[in-house]
Amino acid sequence: MQNGMNRGMRTRRHDLAIGPFSGRSKWPERKLSRPAGVQLTDAKGSYERYMALARAAASTGDATEIENYYQHAEHYFRLMKEKAV
Protein backbone atom coordinates (compact mmCIF):
# COMPACT_ATOMS: atom_id res chain seq x y z
CA MET A 1 0.00 0.00 0.00
CA GLN A 2 1.07 3.54 -0.65
CA ASN A 3 0.93 6.36 1.87
CA GLY A 4 -2.56 7.72 2.21
CA MET A 5 -4.17 4.54 0.94
CA ASN A 6 -4.23 2.70 4.28
CA ARG A 7 -7.52 4.14 5.49
CA GLY A 8 -8.83 2.55 8.60
CA MET A 9 -5.44 1.30 9.67
CA ARG A 10 -3.69 2.82 12.64
CA THR A 11 -0.21 4.12 12.10
CA ARG A 12 2.30 4.91 14.78
CA ARG A 13 4.04 8.21 14.75
CA HIS A 14 6.96 8.20 17.16
CA ASP A 15 8.13 11.61 16.07
CA LEU A 16 5.13 13.39 17.60
CA ALA A 17 4.92 14.21 21.29
CA ILE A 18 1.76 12.72 22.75
CA GLY A 19 0.34 14.18 25.93
CA PRO A 20 1.69 16.77 28.32
CA PHE A 21 4.12 14.37 30.03
CA SER A 22 5.80 12.92 26.99
CA GLY A 23 9.09 14.63 27.74
CA ARG A 24 9.38 15.93 24.22
CA SER A 25 8.43 19.33 22.99
CA LYS A 26 8.08 20.39 19.41
CA TRP A 27 8.41 24.07 20.38
CA PRO A 28 11.86 25.47 21.11
CA GLU A 29 12.36 27.05 24.51
CA ARG A 30 12.26 30.83 24.50
CA LYS A 31 14.75 32.67 26.60
CA LEU A 32 13.80 36.21 27.40
CA SER A 33 16.52 38.67 28.15
CA ARG A 34 15.53 41.82 29.96
CA PRO A 35 17.52 44.51 31.67
CA ALA A 36 17.66 44.00 35.44
CA GLY A 37 15.44 46.97 36.38
CA VAL A 38 12.67 46.22 33.91
CA GLN A 39 11.37 43.16 35.74
CA LEU A 40 10.94 45.05 39.01
CA THR A 41 9.09 47.85 37.24
CA ASP A 42 6.85 45.35 35.47
CA ALA A 43 6.08 43.59 38.75
CA LYS A 44 5.18 46.85 40.46
CA GLY A 45 3.00 47.97 37.57
CA SER A 46 1.28 44.60 37.38
CA TYR A 47 0.71 44.60 41.14
CA GLU A 48 -0.92 48.02 40.97
CA ARG A 49 -3.02 47.02 37.98
CA TYR A 50 -4.37 43.86 39.65
CA MET A 51 -5.10 45.74 42.88
CA ALA A 52 -7.09 48.29 40.85
CA LEU A 53 -8.95 45.48 39.10
CA ALA A 54 -9.74 43.87 42.48
CA ARG A 55 -11.12 47.16 43.79
CA ALA A 56 -13.23 47.57 40.65
CA ALA A 57 -14.48 43.97 40.92
CA ALA A 58 -15.47 44.62 44.53
CA SER A 59 -18.17 46.97 43.26
CA THR A 60 -19.77 44.09 41.33
CA GLY A 61 -19.67 41.78 44.36
CA ASP A 62 -18.31 38.75 42.48
CA ALA A 63 -16.19 37.08 45.17
CA THR A 64 -14.49 34.69 42.74
CA GLU A 65 -13.33 37.51 40.48
CA ILE A 66 -12.11 39.56 43.44
CA GLU A 67 -10.12 36.63 44.84
CA ASN A 68 -8.62 35.94 41.41
CA TYR A 69 -7.33 39.50 41.10
CA TYR A 70 -5.98 39.48 44.67
CA GLN A 71 -4.10 36.24 44.00
CA HIS A 72 -2.53 37.75 40.89
CA ALA A 73 -1.61 40.88 42.85
CA GLU A 74 -0.07 38.76 45.61
CA HIS A 75 2.10 36.97 43.05
CA TYR A 76 3.55 40.26 41.80
CA PHE A 77 3.90 41.53 45.38
CA ARG A 78 6.08 38.52 46.18
CA LEU A 79 8.17 39.12 43.06
CA MET A 80 8.77 42.70 44.17
CA LYS A 81 9.79 41.62 47.66
CA GLU A 82 12.08 38.92 46.27
CA LYS A 83 13.88 41.42 44.06
CA ALA A 84 14.22 43.91 46.93
CA VAL A 85 16.15 41.45 49.11
PDB file of N, CA and C in Angstrom:
ATOM      1  N   MET A   1       0.823  -1.196   0.000  1.00  0.00           N
ATOM      2  CA  MET A   1       0.000   0.000   0.000  1.00  0.00           C
ATOM      3  C   MET A   1       0.862   1.253   0.000  1.00  0.00           C
ATOM      4  N   GLN A   2       0.365   2.267  -0.635  1.00  0.00           N
ATOM      5  CA  GLN A   2       1.067   3.538  -0.649  1.00  0.00           C
ATOM      6  C   GLN A   2       0.578   4.402   0.502  1.00  0.00           C
ATOM      7  N   ASN A   3       1.364   5.423   0.835  1.00  0.00           N
ATOM      8  CA  ASN A   3       0.934   6.358   1.873  1.00  0.00           C
ATOM      9  C   ASN A   3      -0.391   6.993   1.496  1.00  0.00           C
ATOM     10  N   GLY A   4      -1.267   7.111   2.466  1.00  0.00           N
ATOM     11  CA  GLY A   4      -2.562   7.720   2.207  1.00  0.00           C
ATOM     12  C   GLY A   4      -3.614   6.715   1.762  1.00  0.00           C
ATOM     13  N   MET A   5      -3.215   5.527   1.405  1.00  0.00           N
ATOM     14  CA  MET A   5      -4.170   4.542   0.938  1.00  0.00           C
ATOM     15  C   MET A   5      -4.541   3.533   2.023  1.00  0.00           C
ATOM     16  N   ASN A   6      -3.955   3.651   3.218  1.00  0.00           N
ATOM     17  CA  ASN A   6      -4.232   2.701   4.278  1.00  0.00           C
ATOM     18  C   ASN A   6      -5.301   3.244   5.221  1.00  0.00           C
ATOM     19  N   ARG A   7      -6.425   3.598   4.687  1.00  0.00           N
ATOM     20  CA  ARG A   7      -7.515   4.136   5.487  1.00  0.00           C
ATOM     21  C   ARG A   7      -8.047   3.071   6.426  1.00  0.00           C
ATOM     22  N   GLY A   8      -8.321   3.481   7.629  1.00  0.00           N
ATOM     23  CA  GLY A   8      -8.833   2.552   8.598  1.00  0.00           C
ATOM     24  C   GLY A   8      -7.745   1.848   9.395  1.00  0.00           C
ATOM     25  N   MET A   9      -6.539   1.927   8.948  1.00  0.00           N
ATOM     26  CA  MET A   9      -5.438   1.297   9.670  1.00  0.00           C
ATOM     27  C   MET A   9      -4.751   2.335  10.546  1.00  0.00           C
ATOM     28  N   ARG A  10      -4.391   1.907  11.741  1.00  0.00           N
ATOM     29  CA  ARG A  10      -3.692   2.819  12.638  1.00  0.00           C
ATOM     30  C   ARG A  10      -2.208   2.828  12.290  1.00  0.00           C
ATOM     31  N   THR A  11      -1.651   4.005  12.307  1.00  0.00           N
ATOM     32  CA  THR A  11      -0.213   4.121  12.102  1.00  0.00           C
ATOM     33  C   THR A  11       0.397   4.730  13.350  1.00  0.00           C
ATOM     34  N   ARG A  12       1.611   4.366  13.622  1.00  0.00           N
ATOM     35  CA  ARG A  12       2.303   4.911  14.782  1.00  0.00           C
ATOM     36  C   ARG A  12       3.248   6.004  14.338  1.00  0.00           C
ATOM     37  N   ARG A  13       3.152   7.101  15.047  1.00  0.00           N
ATOM     38  CA  ARG A  13       4.040   8.214  14.749  1.00  0.00           C
ATOM     39  C   ARG A  13       4.879   8.471  15.986  1.00  0.00           C
ATOM     40  N   HIS A  14       6.095   8.023  16.006  1.00  0.00           N
ATOM     41  CA  HIS A  14       6.963   8.195  17.164  1.00  0.00           C
ATOM     42  C   HIS A  14       7.614   9.570  17.186  1.00  0.00           C
ATOM     43  N   ASP A  15       7.489  10.301  16.107  1.00  0.00           N
ATOM     44  CA  ASP A  15       8.130  11.615  16.068  1.00  0.00           C
ATOM     45  C   ASP A  15       7.247  12.706  16.668  1.00  0.00           C
ATOM     46  N   LEU A  16       6.020  12.395  17.018  1.00  0.00           N
ATOM     47  CA  LEU A  16       5.131  13.391  17.604  1.00  0.00           C
ATOM     48  C   LEU A  16       5.061  13.196  19.113  1.00  0.00           C
ATOM     49  N   ALA A  17       5.078  14.279  19.841  1.00  0.00           N
ATOM     50  CA  ALA A  17       4.917  14.210  21.288  1.00  0.00           C
ATOM     51  C   ALA A  17       3.440  14.001  21.590  1.00  0.00           C
ATOM     52  N   ILE A  18       3.138  13.025  22.418  1.00  0.00           N
ATOM     53  CA  ILE A  18       1.764  12.718  22.753  1.00  0.00           C
ATOM     54  C   ILE A  18       1.560  12.989  24.229  1.00  0.00           C
ATOM     55  N   GLY A  19       0.662  13.885  24.545  1.00  0.00           N
ATOM     56  CA  GLY A  19       0.341  14.179  25.932  1.00  0.00           C
ATOM     57  C   GLY A  19       1.304  15.176  26.561  1.00  0.00           C
ATOM     58  N   PRO A  20       0.878  15.738  27.682  1.00  0.00           N
ATOM     59  CA  PRO A  20       1.690  16.771  28.315  1.00  0.00           C
ATOM     60  C   PRO A  20       2.929  16.231  29.021  1.00  0.00           C
ATOM     61  N   PHE A  21       3.005  14.923  29.283  1.00  0.00           N
ATOM     62  CA  PHE A  21       4.119  14.365  30.029  1.00  0.00           C
ATOM     63  C   PHE A  21       5.027  13.510  29.163  1.00  0.00           C
ATOM     64  N   SER A  22       5.027  13.764  27.896  1.00  0.00           N
ATOM     65  CA  SER A  22       5.799  12.919  26.994  1.00  0.00           C
ATOM     66  C   SER A  22       7.294  13.190  27.077  1.00  0.00           C
ATOM     67  N   GLY A  23       7.675  14.317  27.623  1.00  0.00           N
ATOM     68  CA  GLY A  23       9.089  14.627  27.744  1.00  0.00           C
ATOM     69  C   GLY A  23       9.677  15.252  26.502  1.00  0.00           C
ATOM     70  N   ARG A  24       8.906  15.315  25.454  1.00  0.00           N
ATOM     71  CA  ARG A  24       9.379  15.928  24.221  1.00  0.00           C
ATOM     72  C   ARG A  24       8.538  17.162  23.932  1.00  0.00           C
ATOM     73  N   SER A  25       9.159  18.122  23.353  1.00  0.00           N
ATOM     74  CA  SER A  25       8.435  19.330  22.986  1.00  0.00           C
ATOM     75  C   SER A  25       8.786  19.697  21.561  1.00  0.00           C
ATOM     76  N   LYS A  26       7.790  20.007  20.786  1.00  0.00           N
ATOM     77  CA  LYS A  26       8.082  20.392  19.413  1.00  0.00           C
ATOM     78  C   LYS A  26       8.340  21.895  19.294  1.00  0.00           C
ATOM     79  N   TRP A  27       8.158  22.628  20.387  1.00  0.00           N
ATOM     80  CA  TRP A  27       8.413  24.067  20.378  1.00  0.00           C
ATOM     81  C   TRP A  27       9.737  24.352  21.068  1.00  0.00           C
ATOM     82  N   PRO A  28      10.585  25.149  20.462  1.00  0.00           N
ATOM     83  CA  PRO A  28      11.856  25.469  21.111  1.00  0.00           C
ATOM     84  C   PRO A  28      11.624  26.358  22.335  1.00  0.00           C
ATOM     85  N   GLU A  29      12.491  26.226  23.312  1.00  0.00           N
ATOM     86  CA  GLU A  29      12.359  27.055  24.505  1.00  0.00           C
ATOM     87  C   GLU A  29      12.747  28.491  24.175  1.00  0.00           C
ATOM     88  N   ARG A  30      11.954  29.408  24.699  1.00  0.00           N
ATOM     89  CA  ARG A  30      12.260  30.825  24.498  1.00  0.00           C
ATOM     90  C   ARG A  30      12.996  31.333  25.727  1.00  0.00           C
ATOM     91  N   LYS A  31      14.033  32.059  25.505  1.00  0.00           N
ATOM     92  CA  LYS A  31      14.750  32.670  26.604  1.00  0.00           C
ATOM     93  C   LYS A  31      14.626  34.177  26.449  1.00  0.00           C
ATOM     94  N   LEU A  32      13.992  34.775  27.438  1.00  0.00           N
ATOM     95  CA  LEU A  32      13.801  36.213  27.396  1.00  0.00           C
ATOM     96  C   LEU A  32      14.951  36.896  28.114  1.00  0.00           C
ATOM     97  N   SER A  33      15.470  37.897  27.490  1.00  0.00           N
ATOM     98  CA  SER A  33      16.518  38.666  28.152  1.00  0.00           C
ATOM     99  C   SER A  33      15.985  40.077  28.362  1.00  0.00           C
ATOM    100  N   ARG A  34      15.996  40.487  29.613  1.00  0.00           N
ATOM    101  CA  ARG A  34      15.530  41.821  29.964  1.00  0.00           C
ATOM    102  C   ARG A  34      16.586  42.495  30.820  1.00  0.00           C
ATOM    103  N   PRO A  35      16.641  43.798  30.740  1.00  0.00           N
ATOM    104  CA  PRO A  35      17.518  44.508  31.671  1.00  0.00           C
ATOM    105  C   PRO A  35      17.051  44.264  33.103  1.00  0.00           C
ATOM    106  N   ALA A  36      17.958  44.358  34.057  1.00  0.00           N
ATOM    107  CA  ALA A  36      17.661  44.001  35.441  1.00  0.00           C
ATOM    108  C   ALA A  36      16.528  44.823  36.034  1.00  0.00           C
ATOM    109  N   GLY A  37      16.455  46.110  35.774  1.00  0.00           N
ATOM    110  CA  GLY A  37      15.440  46.965  36.379  1.00  0.00           C
ATOM    111  C   GLY A  37      14.056  46.817  35.781  1.00  0.00           C
ATOM    112  N   VAL A  38      13.958  46.298  34.596  1.00  0.00           N
ATOM    113  CA  VAL A  38      12.668  46.221  33.910  1.00  0.00           C
ATOM    114  C   VAL A  38      11.728  45.257  34.624  1.00  0.00           C
ATOM    115  N   GLN A  39      12.228  44.158  35.108  1.00  0.00           N
ATOM    116  CA  GLN A  39      11.369  43.157  35.739  1.00  0.00           C
ATOM    117  C   GLN A  39      10.736  43.711  37.014  1.00  0.00           C
ATOM    118  N   LEU A  40      11.479  44.464  37.802  1.00  0.00           N
ATOM    119  CA  LEU A  40      10.935  45.050  39.010  1.00  0.00           C
ATOM    120  C   LEU A  40       9.851  46.062  38.666  1.00  0.00           C
ATOM    121  N   THR A  41      10.081  46.868  37.656  1.00  0.00           N
ATOM    122  CA  THR A  41       9.090  47.849  37.237  1.00  0.00           C
ATOM    123  C   THR A  41       7.831  47.142  36.743  1.00  0.00           C
ATOM    124  N   ASP A  42       8.000  46.095  35.965  1.00  0.00           N
ATOM    125  CA  ASP A  42       6.851  45.353  35.468  1.00  0.00           C
ATOM    126  C   ASP A  42       6.062  44.729  36.615  1.00  0.00           C
ATOM    127  N   ALA A  43       6.760  44.204  37.616  1.00  0.00           N
ATOM    128  CA  ALA A  43       6.084  43.593  38.751  1.00  0.00           C
ATOM    129  C   ALA A  43       5.287  44.642  39.529  1.00  0.00           C
ATOM    130  N   LYS A  44       5.874  45.796  39.716  1.00  0.00           N
ATOM    131  CA  LYS A  44       5.180  46.850  40.459  1.00  0.00           C
ATOM    132  C   LYS A  44       3.953  47.335  39.686  1.00  0.00           C
ATOM    133  N   GLY A  45       4.123  47.540  38.395  1.00  0.00           N
ATOM    134  CA  GLY A  45       2.998  47.975  37.573  1.00  0.00           C
ATOM    135  C   GLY A  45       1.888  46.938  37.525  1.00  0.00           C
ATOM    136  N   SER A  46       2.266  45.666  37.411  1.00  0.00           N
ATOM    137  CA  SER A  46       1.277  44.599  37.380  1.00  0.00           C
ATOM    138  C   SER A  46       0.566  44.477  38.719  1.00  0.00           C
ATOM    139  N   TYR A  47       1.321  44.633  39.806  1.00  0.00           N
ATOM    140  CA  TYR A  47       0.707  44.598  41.141  1.00  0.00           C
ATOM    141  C   TYR A  47      -0.345  45.694  41.272  1.00  0.00           C
ATOM    142  N   GLU A  48       0.024  46.902  40.877  1.00  0.00           N
ATOM    143  CA  GLU A  48      -0.917  48.023  40.970  1.00  0.00           C
ATOM    144  C   GLU A  48      -2.133  47.811  40.080  1.00  0.00           C
ATOM    145  N   ARG A  49      -1.914  47.255  38.904  1.00  0.00           N
ATOM    146  CA  ARG A  49      -3.017  47.017  37.978  1.00  0.00           C
ATOM    147  C   ARG A  49      -3.994  45.998  38.552  1.00  0.00           C
ATOM    148  N   TYR A  50      -3.485  44.883  39.098  1.00  0.00           N
ATOM    149  CA  TYR A  50      -4.375  43.865  39.654  1.00  0.00           C
ATOM    150  C   TYR A  50      -5.076  44.333  40.922  1.00  0.00           C
ATOM    151  N   MET A  51      -4.423  45.179  41.707  1.00  0.00           N
ATOM    152  CA  MET A  51      -5.103  45.738  42.881  1.00  0.00           C
ATOM    153  C   MET A  51      -6.258  46.649  42.437  1.00  0.00           C
ATOM    154  N   ALA A  52      -6.028  47.431  41.383  1.00  0.00           N
ATOM    155  CA  ALA A  52      -7.093  48.290  40.855  1.00  0.00           C
ATOM    156  C   ALA A  52      -8.238  47.444  40.302  1.00  0.00           C
ATOM    157  N   LEU A  53      -7.909  46.358  39.618  1.00  0.00           N
ATOM    158  CA  LEU A  53      -8.953  45.478  39.099  1.00  0.00           C
ATOM    159  C   LEU A  53      -9.738  44.832  40.236  1.00  0.00           C
ATOM    160  N   ALA A  54      -9.051  44.466  41.323  1.00  0.00           N
ATOM    161  CA  ALA A  54      -9.740  43.872  42.477  1.00  0.00           C
ATOM    162  C   ALA A  54     -10.687  44.878  43.113  1.00  0.00           C
ATOM    163  N   ARG A  55     -10.245  46.123  43.229  1.00  0.00           N
ATOM    164  CA  ARG A  55     -11.122  47.160  43.792  1.00  0.00           C
ATOM    165  C   ARG A  55     -12.335  47.393  42.892  1.00  0.00           C
ATOM    166  N   ALA A  56     -12.125  47.382  41.582  1.00  0.00           N
ATOM    167  CA  ALA A  56     -13.232  47.566  40.651  1.00  0.00           C
ATOM    168  C   ALA A  56     -14.195  46.370  40.709  1.00  0.00           C
ATOM    169  N   ALA A  57     -13.643  45.174  40.853  1.00  0.00           N
ATOM    170  CA  ALA A  57     -14.478  43.975  40.922  1.00  0.00           C
ATOM    171  C   ALA A  57     -15.279  43.939  42.224  1.00  0.00           C
ATOM    172  N   ALA A  58     -14.755  44.586  43.255  1.00  0.00           N
ATOM    173  CA  ALA A  58     -15.469  44.616  44.531  1.00  0.00           C
ATOM    174  C   ALA A  58     -16.808  45.329  44.395  1.00  0.00           C
ATOM    175  N   SER A  59     -16.897  46.260  43.464  1.00  0.00           N
ATOM    176  CA  SER A  59     -18.165  46.970  43.263  1.00  0.00           C
ATOM    177  C   SER A  59     -19.227  46.064  42.639  1.00  0.00           C
ATOM    178  N   THR A  60     -18.803  45.025  41.919  1.00  0.00           N
ATOM    179  CA  THR A  60     -19.768  44.094  41.330  1.00  0.00           C
ATOM    180  C   THR A  60     -20.185  43.025  42.330  1.00  0.00           C
ATOM    181  N   GLY A  61     -19.333  42.758  43.330  1.00  0.00           N
ATOM    182  CA  GLY A  61     -19.670  41.776  44.357  1.00  0.00           C
ATOM    183  C   GLY A  61     -19.365  40.345  43.983  1.00  0.00           C
ATOM    184  N   ASP A  62     -18.655  40.108  42.889  1.00  0.00           N
ATOM    185  CA  ASP A  62     -18.305  38.751  42.476  1.00  0.00           C
ATOM    186  C   ASP A  62     -17.073  38.311  43.258  1.00  0.00           C
ATOM    187  N   ALA A  63     -17.270  37.479  44.272  1.00  0.00           N
ATOM    188  CA  ALA A  63     -16.189  37.081  45.168  1.00  0.00           C
ATOM    189  C   ALA A  63     -15.099  36.291  44.450  1.00  0.00           C
ATOM    190  N   THR A  64     -15.472  35.487  43.477  1.00  0.00           N
ATOM    191  CA  THR A  64     -14.488  34.691  42.740  1.00  0.00           C
ATOM    192  C   THR A  64     -13.559  35.588  41.936  1.00  0.00           C
ATOM    193  N   GLU A  65     -14.131  36.577  41.279  1.00  0.00           N
ATOM    194  CA  GLU A  65     -13.335  37.507  40.483  1.00  0.00           C
ATOM    195  C   GLU A  65     -12.414  38.334  41.377  1.00  0.00           C
ATOM    196  N   ILE A  66     -12.921  38.769  42.497  1.00  0.00           N
ATOM    197  CA  ILE A  66     -12.114  39.560  43.435  1.00  0.00           C
ATOM    198  C   ILE A  66     -10.927  38.737  43.922  1.00  0.00           C
ATOM    199  N   GLU A  67     -11.187  37.499  44.343  1.00  0.00           N
ATOM    200  CA  GLU A  67     -10.120  36.629  44.838  1.00  0.00           C
ATOM    201  C   GLU A  67      -9.092  36.353  43.758  1.00  0.00           C
ATOM    202  N   ASN A  68      -9.521  36.173  42.533  1.00  0.00           N
ATOM    203  CA  ASN A  68      -8.617  35.941  41.413  1.00  0.00           C
ATOM    204  C   ASN A  68      -7.655  37.114  41.252  1.00  0.00           C
ATOM    205  N   TYR A  69      -8.184  38.325  41.259  1.00  0.00           N
ATOM    206  CA  TYR A  69      -7.330  39.501  41.101  1.00  0.00           C
ATOM    207  C   TYR A  69      -6.386  39.668  42.288  1.00  0.00           C
ATOM    208  N   TYR A  70      -6.851  39.382  43.499  1.00  0.00           N
ATOM    209  CA  TYR A  70      -5.984  39.480  44.670  1.00  0.00           C
ATOM    210  C   TYR A  70      -4.861  38.441  44.623  1.00  0.00           C
ATOM    211  N   GLN A  71      -5.149  37.258  44.119  1.00  0.00           N
ATOM    212  CA  GLN A  71      -4.102  36.243  44.004  1.00  0.00           C
ATOM    213  C   GLN A  71      -3.047  36.654  42.989  1.00  0.00           C
ATOM    214  N   HIS A  72      -3.488  37.252  41.877  1.00  0.00           N
ATOM    215  CA  HIS A  72      -2.526  37.751  40.895  1.00  0.00           C
ATOM    216  C   HIS A  72      -1.684  38.871  41.503  1.00  0.00           C
ATOM    217  N   ALA A  73      -2.322  39.778  42.221  1.00  0.00           N
ATOM    218  CA  ALA A  73      -1.606  40.880  42.853  1.00  0.00           C
ATOM    219  C   ALA A  73      -0.592  40.351  43.859  1.00  0.00           C
ATOM    220  N   GLU A  74      -0.982  39.344  44.623  1.00  0.00           N
ATOM    221  CA  GLU A  74      -0.072  38.765  45.613  1.00  0.00           C
ATOM    222  C   GLU A  74       1.163  38.162  44.939  1.00  0.00           C
ATOM    223  N   HIS A  75       0.977  37.541  43.788  1.00  0.00           N
ATOM    224  CA  HIS A  75       2.105  36.974  43.050  1.00  0.00           C
ATOM    225  C   HIS A  75       3.122  38.062  42.711  1.00  0.00           C
ATOM    226  N   TYR A  76       2.647  39.179  42.173  1.00  0.00           N
ATOM    227  CA  TYR A  76       3.548  40.256  41.802  1.00  0.00           C
ATOM    228  C   TYR A  76       4.133  40.952  43.032  1.00  0.00           C
ATOM    229  N   PHE A  77       3.386  40.987  44.136  1.00  0.00           N
ATOM    230  CA  PHE A  77       3.904  41.534  45.377  1.00  0.00           C
ATOM    231  C   PHE A  77       5.094  40.710  45.858  1.00  0.00           C
ATOM    232  N   ARG A  78       4.976  39.385  45.776  1.00  0.00           N
ATOM    233  CA  ARG A  78       6.080  38.518  46.176  1.00  0.00           C
ATOM    234  C   ARG A  78       7.292  38.679  45.272  1.00  0.00           C
ATOM    235  N   LEU A  79       7.054  38.872  43.986  1.00  0.00           N
ATOM    236  CA  LEU A  79       8.172  39.121  43.065  1.00  0.00           C
ATOM    237  C   LEU A  79       8.894  40.404  43.437  1.00  0.00           C
ATOM    238  N   MET A  80       8.149  41.439  43.773  1.00  0.00           N
ATOM    239  CA  MET A  80       8.772  42.705  44.167  1.00  0.00           C
ATOM    240  C   MET A  80       9.614  42.537  45.424  1.00  0.00           C
ATOM    241  N   LYS A  81       9.071  41.830  46.406  1.00  0.00           N
ATOM    242  CA  LYS A  81       9.790  41.618  47.657  1.00  0.00           C
ATOM    243  C   LYS A  81      11.037  40.752  47.444  1.00  0.00           C
ATOM    244  N   GLU A  82      10.938  39.789  46.568  1.00  0.00           N
ATOM    245  CA  GLU A  82      12.075  38.920  46.271  1.00  0.00           C
ATOM    246  C   GLU A  82      13.209  39.706  45.625  1.00  0.00           C
ATOM    247  N   LYS A  83      12.854  40.620  44.748  1.00  0.00           N
ATOM    248  CA  LYS A  83      13.879  41.423  44.057  1.00  0.00           C
ATOM    249  C   LYS A  83      14.486  42.477  44.985  1.00  0.00           C
ATOM    250  N   ALA A  84      13.729  42.887  46.003  1.00  0.00           N
ATOM    251  CA  ALA A  84      14.222  43.912  46.928  1.00  0.00           C
ATOM    252  C   ALA A  84      15.244  43.358  47.906  1.00  0.00           C
ATOM    253  N   VAL A  85      15.231  42.063  48.134  1.00  0.00           N
ATOM    254  CA  VAL A  85      16.149  41.449  49.108  1.00  0.00           C
ATOM    255  C   VAL A  85      17.523  41.295  48.547  1.00  0.00           C
TER     256      VAL A  85
END
